[in-house]
């Protein structure tokens, strides 16, 4: 087998840890409720309600590109589609 396939690291807290104390910031594209502003969907190529299936991206530019594509496809909900930054609590 040549190399290993790229695997997007995921966990319940959506944090990627390297070593003991270092953490990497990751980004998620989310859909929020119009009235309560709570997260009701996560982007994973389509929309899912399962946080564990959410696509986690290491680069904000990549997350913004996915969010922009979804805003173009769903203009009515464009203001509800956001990029969330997930960081470690140090």
N, C-alpha and C. Protein backbone atom coordinates (compact mmCIF):
# COMPACT_ATOMS: atom_id res chain seq x y z
N UNK A 1 0.84 -1.17 0.00
CA UNK A 1 0.00 0.00 0.00
C UNK A 1 0.89 1.23 0.00
N UNK A 2 0.63 2.17 -0.87
CA UNK A 2 1.44 3.37 -0.98
C UNK A 2 0.91 4.47 -0.09
N UNK A 3 1.62 4.80 0.96
CA UNK A 3 1.19 5.87 1.86
C UNK A 3 -0.09 5.54 2.58
N UNK A 4 -0.58 6.49 3.31
CA UNK A 4 -1.84 6.31 4.01
C UNK A 4 -2.83 7.33 3.50
N UNK A 5 -4.09 7.00 3.43
CA UNK A 5 -5.08 7.96 2.97
C UNK A 5 -5.25 9.10 3.97
N UNK A 6 -5.64 10.26 3.47
CA UNK A 6 -5.87 11.41 4.35
C UNK A 6 -7.12 11.17 5.15
N UNK A 7 -7.00 11.29 6.45
CA UNK A 7 -8.14 11.10 7.35
C UNK A 7 -8.34 12.39 8.13
N UNK A 8 -9.55 12.93 8.12
CA UNK A 8 -9.84 14.12 8.89
C UNK A 8 -10.02 13.71 10.34
N UNK A 9 -9.17 14.22 11.24
CA UNK A 9 -9.30 13.85 12.65
C UNK A 9 -10.59 14.42 13.24
N UNK A 10 -11.31 13.61 13.98
CA UNK A 10 -12.56 14.04 14.60
C UNK A 10 -12.65 13.47 16.00
N UNK A 11 -13.31 14.20 16.85
CA UNK A 11 -13.60 13.72 18.18
C UNK A 11 -14.80 14.48 18.69
N UNK A 12 -15.33 14.09 19.83
CA UNK A 12 -16.49 14.78 20.37
C UNK A 12 -16.22 16.25 20.62
N UNK A 13 -15.03 16.59 21.05
CA UNK A 13 -14.71 17.99 21.31
C UNK A 13 -14.19 18.69 20.06
N UNK A 14 -13.98 17.94 18.99
CA UNK A 14 -13.49 18.48 17.72
C UNK A 14 -12.12 19.13 17.86
N UNK A 15 -11.29 18.64 18.74
CA UNK A 15 -9.94 19.15 18.91
C UNK A 15 -8.95 18.10 18.43
N UNK A 16 -7.91 18.56 17.80
CA UNK A 16 -6.86 17.67 17.32
C UNK A 16 -5.64 17.93 18.19
N UNK A 17 -5.15 16.91 18.87
CA UNK A 17 -4.02 17.09 19.76
C UNK A 17 -2.77 16.44 19.19
N UNK A 18 -1.66 17.17 19.28
CA UNK A 18 -0.36 16.65 18.90
C UNK A 18 0.55 16.81 20.11
N UNK A 19 1.15 15.75 20.54
CA UNK A 19 1.99 15.82 21.73
C UNK A 19 1.13 15.91 22.98
N UNK A 20 1.71 16.45 24.04
CA UNK A 20 0.97 16.52 25.29
C UNK A 20 0.15 17.80 25.44
N UNK A 21 0.74 18.95 25.09
CA UNK A 21 0.10 20.22 25.39
C UNK A 21 -0.32 21.01 24.16
N UNK A 22 0.13 20.63 22.98
CA UNK A 22 -0.16 21.41 21.78
C UNK A 22 -1.51 21.02 21.19
N UNK A 23 -2.28 22.02 20.78
CA UNK A 23 -3.55 21.77 20.12
C UNK A 23 -3.62 22.59 18.85
N UNK A 24 -4.32 22.07 17.86
CA UNK A 24 -4.47 22.74 16.58
C UNK A 24 -5.88 23.29 16.50
N UNK A 25 -6.01 24.50 15.98
CA UNK A 25 -7.32 25.09 15.78
C UNK A 25 -7.95 24.47 14.53
N UNK A 26 -9.19 24.07 14.64
CA UNK A 26 -9.92 23.53 13.49
C UNK A 26 -11.20 24.34 13.31
N UNK A 27 -11.78 24.21 12.13
CA UNK A 27 -12.97 24.99 11.78
C UNK A 27 -14.08 24.07 11.30
N UNK A 28 -15.32 24.49 11.56
CA UNK A 28 -16.52 23.75 11.14
C UNK A 28 -17.49 24.74 10.51
N UNK A 29 -18.22 24.29 9.50
CA UNK A 29 -19.28 25.09 8.90
C UNK A 29 -20.58 24.66 9.56
N UNK A 30 -21.31 25.64 10.11
CA UNK A 30 -22.54 25.32 10.84
C UNK A 30 -23.73 26.09 10.28
N UNK A 31 -24.89 25.57 10.55
CA UNK A 31 -26.16 26.22 10.22
C UNK A 31 -26.87 26.49 11.54
N UNK A 32 -27.26 27.74 11.77
CA UNK A 32 -27.90 28.12 13.03
C UNK A 32 -29.39 28.35 12.85
N UNK A 33 -30.14 28.16 13.93
CA UNK A 33 -31.57 28.42 13.95
C UNK A 33 -31.80 29.93 13.84
N UNK A 34 -32.79 30.33 13.08
CA UNK A 34 -33.07 31.74 12.85
C UNK A 34 -33.46 32.48 14.13
N UNK A 35 -34.22 31.85 15.00
CA UNK A 35 -34.72 32.52 16.21
C UNK A 35 -33.80 32.36 17.41
N UNK A 36 -33.38 31.15 17.70
CA UNK A 36 -32.60 30.89 18.92
C UNK A 36 -31.09 30.98 18.71
N UNK A 37 -30.64 30.98 17.46
CA UNK A 37 -29.22 31.02 17.11
C UNK A 37 -28.44 29.81 17.60
N UNK A 38 -29.13 28.72 17.94
CA UNK A 38 -28.43 27.49 18.29
C UNK A 38 -28.05 26.75 17.02
N UNK A 39 -27.00 25.94 17.09
CA UNK A 39 -26.56 25.17 15.93
C UNK A 39 -27.55 24.05 15.67
N UNK A 40 -28.07 23.98 14.45
CA UNK A 40 -29.03 22.93 14.09
C UNK A 40 -28.49 22.02 12.99
N UNK A 41 -27.35 22.39 12.38
CA UNK A 41 -26.79 21.55 11.33
C UNK A 41 -25.31 21.78 11.16
N UNK A 42 -24.64 20.75 10.66
CA UNK A 42 -23.21 20.80 10.40
C UNK A 42 -22.97 20.37 8.97
N UNK A 43 -21.96 20.95 8.32
CA UNK A 43 -21.64 20.61 6.94
C UNK A 43 -20.68 19.44 6.89
N UNK A 44 -20.99 18.46 6.05
CA UNK A 44 -20.08 17.34 5.83
C UNK A 44 -20.12 16.90 4.36
N UNK A 45 -20.32 17.86 3.48
CA UNK A 45 -20.53 17.58 2.06
C UNK A 45 -22.00 17.81 1.74
N UNK A 46 -22.81 17.66 2.74
CA UNK A 46 -24.24 17.98 2.74
C UNK A 46 -24.50 18.48 4.16
N UNK A 47 -25.73 18.53 4.60
CA UNK A 47 -26.00 18.95 5.98
C UNK A 47 -26.34 17.75 6.82
N UNK A 48 -25.83 17.72 8.04
CA UNK A 48 -26.12 16.67 9.00
C UNK A 48 -26.43 17.31 10.35
N UNK A 49 -27.19 16.62 11.16
CA UNK A 49 -27.45 17.10 12.51
C UNK A 49 -26.51 16.46 13.53
N UNK A 50 -25.69 15.53 13.08
CA UNK A 50 -24.76 14.81 13.95
C UNK A 50 -23.43 15.55 14.01
N UNK A 51 -23.10 16.11 15.16
CA UNK A 51 -21.86 16.87 15.33
C UNK A 51 -20.63 16.03 15.04
N UNK A 52 -20.70 14.74 15.35
CA UNK A 52 -19.54 13.86 15.13
C UNK A 52 -19.25 13.65 13.65
N UNK A 53 -20.24 13.85 12.79
CA UNK A 53 -20.03 13.70 11.35
C UNK A 53 -19.62 15.00 10.67
N UNK A 54 -19.57 16.08 11.43
CA UNK A 54 -19.21 17.38 10.86
C UNK A 54 -17.82 17.35 10.26
N UNK A 55 -17.66 17.98 9.13
CA UNK A 55 -16.36 18.09 8.50
C UNK A 55 -15.52 19.10 9.28
N UNK A 56 -14.35 18.67 9.74
CA UNK A 56 -13.44 19.57 10.45
C UNK A 56 -12.30 19.91 9.51
N UNK A 57 -12.01 21.19 9.40
CA UNK A 57 -10.99 21.67 8.47
C UNK A 57 -9.91 22.42 9.23
N UNK A 58 -8.68 22.25 8.84
CA UNK A 58 -7.57 22.90 9.52
C UNK A 58 -7.35 24.32 9.04
N UNK A 59 -7.75 24.62 7.81
CA UNK A 59 -7.53 25.96 7.26
C UNK A 59 -8.85 26.72 7.20
N UNK A 60 -8.84 27.94 7.71
CA UNK A 60 -10.05 28.77 7.69
C UNK A 60 -10.48 29.06 6.26
N UNK A 61 -9.52 29.24 5.35
CA UNK A 61 -9.84 29.53 3.95
C UNK A 61 -10.67 28.40 3.34
N UNK A 62 -10.34 27.17 3.65
CA UNK A 62 -11.08 26.03 3.13
C UNK A 62 -12.50 26.01 3.70
N UNK A 63 -12.62 26.29 5.00
CA UNK A 63 -13.94 26.33 5.63
C UNK A 63 -14.78 27.47 5.05
N UNK A 64 -14.17 28.63 4.83
CA UNK A 64 -14.89 29.77 4.24
C UNK A 64 -15.34 29.45 2.81
N UNK A 65 -14.53 28.71 2.07
CA UNK A 65 -14.90 28.32 0.70
C UNK A 65 -16.12 27.41 0.72
N UNK A 66 -16.15 26.43 1.62
CA UNK A 66 -17.32 25.56 1.75
C UNK A 66 -18.54 26.36 2.18
N UNK A 67 -18.36 27.28 3.13
CA UNK A 67 -19.49 28.09 3.59
C UNK A 67 -20.01 28.98 2.47
N UNK A 68 -19.13 29.57 1.69
CA UNK A 68 -19.55 30.43 0.58
C UNK A 68 -20.34 29.63 -0.45
N UNK A 69 -19.91 28.41 -0.72
CA UNK A 69 -20.63 27.55 -1.67
C UNK A 69 -22.04 27.24 -1.15
N UNK A 70 -22.15 26.96 0.15
CA UNK A 70 -23.47 26.67 0.71
C UNK A 70 -24.34 27.92 0.76
N UNK A 71 -23.74 29.09 1.01
CA UNK A 71 -24.51 30.34 0.99
C UNK A 71 -25.05 30.63 -0.40
N UNK A 72 -24.27 30.31 -1.44
CA UNK A 72 -24.74 30.49 -2.82
C UNK A 72 -25.89 29.56 -3.14
N UNK A 73 -25.83 28.35 -2.61
CA UNK A 73 -26.89 27.37 -2.87
C UNK A 73 -28.14 27.63 -2.05
N UNK A 74 -27.99 28.26 -0.89
CA UNK A 74 -29.12 28.52 0.01
C UNK A 74 -29.14 30.01 0.38
N UNK A 75 -29.46 30.90 -0.55
CA UNK A 75 -29.38 32.33 -0.26
C UNK A 75 -30.32 32.78 0.85
N UNK A 76 -31.44 32.09 1.02
CA UNK A 76 -32.38 32.45 2.09
C UNK A 76 -31.76 32.27 3.48
N UNK A 77 -30.86 31.30 3.60
CA UNK A 77 -30.22 31.00 4.88
C UNK A 77 -28.77 31.48 4.95
N UNK A 78 -28.36 32.33 4.03
CA UNK A 78 -26.95 32.73 3.94
C UNK A 78 -26.42 33.32 5.24
N UNK A 79 -27.22 34.14 5.91
CA UNK A 79 -26.73 34.76 7.14
C UNK A 79 -26.66 33.78 8.30
N UNK A 80 -27.25 32.59 8.14
CA UNK A 80 -27.25 31.59 9.21
C UNK A 80 -26.12 30.57 9.06
N UNK A 81 -25.44 30.60 7.91
CA UNK A 81 -24.34 29.67 7.65
C UNK A 81 -23.04 30.36 8.08
N UNK A 82 -22.37 29.78 9.07
CA UNK A 82 -21.16 30.41 9.63
C UNK A 82 -20.01 29.41 9.73
N UNK A 83 -18.82 29.96 9.87
CA UNK A 83 -17.63 29.15 10.12
C UNK A 83 -17.30 29.31 11.60
N UNK A 84 -17.24 28.20 12.31
CA UNK A 84 -16.95 28.20 13.75
C UNK A 84 -15.52 27.77 13.98
N UNK A 85 -14.82 28.50 14.82
CA UNK A 85 -13.45 28.16 15.19
C UNK A 85 -13.49 27.34 16.48
N UNK A 86 -12.81 26.20 16.48
CA UNK A 86 -12.77 25.32 17.64
C UNK A 86 -11.33 25.32 18.15
N UNK A 87 -11.12 25.76 19.39
CA UNK A 87 -9.79 25.83 19.96
C UNK A 87 -9.76 25.12 21.31
N UNK A 88 -8.54 24.88 21.79
CA UNK A 88 -8.36 24.25 23.09
C UNK A 88 -8.52 25.28 24.18
N UNK A 89 -9.06 24.87 25.31
CA UNK A 89 -9.16 25.74 26.48
C UNK A 89 -7.89 25.60 27.29
N UNK A 90 -7.01 26.59 27.15
CA UNK A 90 -5.72 26.54 27.86
C UNK A 90 -5.80 27.24 29.19
